[in-house]
């Protein structure tokens, strides 16, 4: 297998890795209780999805 002729500089590696950072996950609000939740998932605080109660959540 062939080897590279020149050493890759730190600057070139940095340009290549410019998009390798962590992104914050997108969040939405629940239409029933207005709590912050991940999109396309059942609300963990009220148990509603798409305006209907899917699971029963017991409040402590």
N, C-alpha and C. Protein backbone atom coordinates (compact mmCIF):
# COMPACT_ATOMS: atom_id res chain seq x y z
N UNK A 1 0.84 -1.17 0.00
CA UNK A 1 0.00 0.00 0.00
C UNK A 1 0.89 1.24 0.00
N UNK A 2 0.51 2.23 -0.78
CA UNK A 2 1.35 3.42 -0.89
C UNK A 2 1.17 4.33 0.31
N UNK A 3 2.18 5.11 0.55
CA UNK A 3 2.19 6.04 1.67
C UNK A 3 2.11 7.48 1.15
N UNK A 4 1.59 8.40 1.96
CA UNK A 4 1.56 9.80 1.51
C UNK A 4 2.96 10.38 1.40
N UNK A 5 3.14 11.27 0.42
CA UNK A 5 4.45 11.88 0.20
C UNK A 5 4.79 12.90 1.28
N UNK A 6 3.79 13.69 1.69
CA UNK A 6 4.03 14.76 2.66
C UNK A 6 3.15 14.56 3.89
N UNK A 7 3.57 15.15 5.00
CA UNK A 7 2.79 15.10 6.23
C UNK A 7 1.60 16.06 6.12
N UNK A 8 0.43 15.61 6.56
CA UNK A 8 -0.74 16.48 6.58
C UNK A 8 -0.59 17.45 7.74
N UNK A 9 -0.70 18.74 7.45
CA UNK A 9 -0.51 19.74 8.49
C UNK A 9 -1.72 19.82 9.42
N UNK A 10 -1.50 20.41 10.57
CA UNK A 10 -2.58 20.56 11.54
C UNK A 10 -3.69 21.45 10.98
N UNK A 11 -3.32 22.42 10.18
CA UNK A 11 -4.30 23.32 9.59
C UNK A 11 -5.21 22.57 8.62
N UNK A 12 -4.65 21.70 7.80
CA UNK A 12 -5.45 20.91 6.87
C UNK A 12 -6.37 19.96 7.62
N UNK A 13 -5.86 19.37 8.70
CA UNK A 13 -6.69 18.48 9.51
C UNK A 13 -7.83 19.26 10.17
N UNK A 14 -7.54 20.49 10.59
CA UNK A 14 -8.56 21.33 11.19
C UNK A 14 -9.66 21.70 10.21
N UNK A 15 -9.28 22.01 8.96
CA UNK A 15 -10.28 22.32 7.94
C UNK A 15 -11.16 21.11 7.67
N UNK A 16 -10.58 19.93 7.64
CA UNK A 16 -11.34 18.72 7.37
C UNK A 16 -12.30 18.41 8.52
N UNK A 17 -11.87 18.68 9.74
CA UNK A 17 -12.67 18.36 10.93
C UNK A 17 -13.54 19.52 11.40
N UNK A 18 -13.76 20.51 10.54
CA UNK A 18 -14.50 21.69 10.95
C UNK A 18 -15.95 21.38 11.30
N UNK A 19 -16.51 20.30 10.76
CA UNK A 19 -17.91 19.97 11.00
C UNK A 19 -18.08 18.81 11.95
N UNK A 20 -17.06 18.43 12.67
CA UNK A 20 -17.12 17.30 13.59
C UNK A 20 -17.47 17.72 15.01
N UNK A 21 -18.23 18.77 15.17
CA UNK A 21 -18.58 19.24 16.50
C UNK A 21 -19.98 18.76 16.85
N UNK A 22 -20.33 18.78 18.13
CA UNK A 22 -21.64 18.35 18.59
C UNK A 22 -22.66 19.46 18.37
N UNK A 23 -23.84 19.07 17.95
CA UNK A 23 -24.92 20.03 17.73
C UNK A 23 -25.98 19.81 18.80
N UNK A 24 -26.68 20.88 19.18
CA UNK A 24 -27.74 20.76 20.17
C UNK A 24 -28.96 20.11 19.52
N UNK A 25 -29.62 19.20 20.21
CA UNK A 25 -30.79 18.55 19.61
C UNK A 25 -31.96 19.51 19.50
N UNK A 26 -32.76 19.33 18.47
CA UNK A 26 -33.93 20.18 18.29
C UNK A 26 -35.01 19.83 19.29
N UNK A 27 -35.69 20.82 19.81
CA UNK A 27 -36.75 20.61 20.79
C UNK A 27 -38.00 21.34 20.33
N UNK A 28 -39.16 20.83 20.73
CA UNK A 28 -40.43 21.47 20.43
C UNK A 28 -41.26 21.54 21.70
N UNK A 29 -42.40 22.21 21.63
CA UNK A 29 -43.26 22.32 22.81
C UNK A 29 -44.48 21.44 22.62
N UNK A 30 -44.97 20.90 23.71
CA UNK A 30 -46.15 20.06 23.71
C UNK A 30 -47.38 20.96 23.57
N UNK A 31 -48.30 20.65 22.65
CA UNK A 31 -49.49 21.50 22.51
C UNK A 31 -50.46 21.36 23.69
N UNK A 32 -50.37 20.26 24.44
CA UNK A 32 -51.30 20.05 25.56
C UNK A 32 -50.86 20.77 26.82
N UNK A 33 -49.59 20.53 27.22
CA UNK A 33 -49.13 21.09 28.50
C UNK A 33 -48.05 22.16 28.33
N UNK A 34 -47.61 22.40 27.11
CA UNK A 34 -46.59 23.42 26.77
C UNK A 34 -45.24 23.14 27.43
N UNK A 35 -44.93 21.88 27.66
CA UNK A 35 -43.62 21.49 28.17
C UNK A 35 -42.68 21.26 26.99
N UNK A 36 -41.38 21.39 27.23
CA UNK A 36 -40.38 21.17 26.18
C UNK A 36 -40.16 19.67 26.04
N UNK A 37 -40.20 19.18 24.78
CA UNK A 37 -40.05 17.75 24.51
C UNK A 37 -39.35 17.56 23.18
N UNK A 38 -38.77 16.37 22.93
CA UNK A 38 -38.20 16.09 21.62
C UNK A 38 -39.30 15.97 20.57
N UNK A 39 -39.06 16.37 19.34
CA UNK A 39 -40.11 16.30 18.32
C UNK A 39 -40.43 14.85 17.94
N UNK A 40 -41.66 14.59 17.54
CA UNK A 40 -42.14 13.28 17.09
C UNK A 40 -42.05 12.22 18.18
N UNK A 41 -42.19 12.62 19.43
CA UNK A 41 -42.19 11.68 20.55
C UNK A 41 -43.30 12.04 21.51
N UNK A 42 -43.70 11.05 22.32
CA UNK A 42 -44.73 11.27 23.33
C UNK A 42 -44.18 12.21 24.39
N UNK A 43 -45.02 13.14 24.85
CA UNK A 43 -44.60 14.09 25.88
C UNK A 43 -44.38 13.35 27.19
N UNK A 44 -43.20 13.46 27.81
CA UNK A 44 -42.95 12.73 29.05
C UNK A 44 -43.71 13.30 30.25
N UNK A 45 -44.18 14.55 30.17
CA UNK A 45 -44.85 15.12 31.33
C UNK A 45 -46.35 14.87 31.34
N UNK A 46 -47.00 14.83 30.16
CA UNK A 46 -48.45 14.61 30.15
C UNK A 46 -48.87 13.34 29.40
N UNK A 47 -47.99 12.73 28.62
CA UNK A 47 -48.30 11.49 27.91
C UNK A 47 -49.11 11.68 26.65
N UNK A 48 -49.15 12.88 26.09
CA UNK A 48 -49.94 13.15 24.89
C UNK A 48 -49.06 13.13 23.65
N UNK A 49 -49.67 12.71 22.53
CA UNK A 49 -49.00 12.75 21.23
C UNK A 49 -50.05 13.13 20.19
N UNK A 50 -49.78 14.13 19.41
CA UNK A 50 -50.66 14.61 18.35
C UNK A 50 -52.04 15.01 18.91
N UNK A 51 -52.05 15.59 20.11
CA UNK A 51 -53.28 16.08 20.70
C UNK A 51 -54.11 15.03 21.42
N UNK A 52 -53.64 13.76 21.46
CA UNK A 52 -54.39 12.69 22.12
C UNK A 52 -53.54 12.10 23.23
N UNK A 53 -54.19 11.65 24.30
CA UNK A 53 -53.47 11.00 25.39
C UNK A 53 -53.14 9.57 24.98
N UNK A 54 -51.86 9.27 24.89
CA UNK A 54 -51.41 7.96 24.44
C UNK A 54 -51.07 7.06 25.62
N UNK A 55 -50.35 7.61 26.59
CA UNK A 55 -50.00 6.85 27.79
C UNK A 55 -50.47 7.62 29.00
N UNK A 56 -50.73 6.90 30.07
CA UNK A 56 -51.16 7.54 31.29
C UNK A 56 -49.93 7.81 32.14
N UNK A 57 -49.72 9.07 32.51
CA UNK A 57 -48.56 9.48 33.32
C UNK A 57 -49.06 9.81 34.72
N UNK A 58 -48.47 9.16 35.70
CA UNK A 58 -48.83 9.44 37.08
C UNK A 58 -47.90 10.51 37.62
N UNK A 59 -48.48 11.57 38.16
CA UNK A 59 -47.70 12.66 38.72
C UNK A 59 -47.35 12.32 40.16
N UNK A 60 -46.13 12.56 40.53
CA UNK A 60 -45.67 12.26 41.89
C UNK A 60 -45.66 13.50 42.74
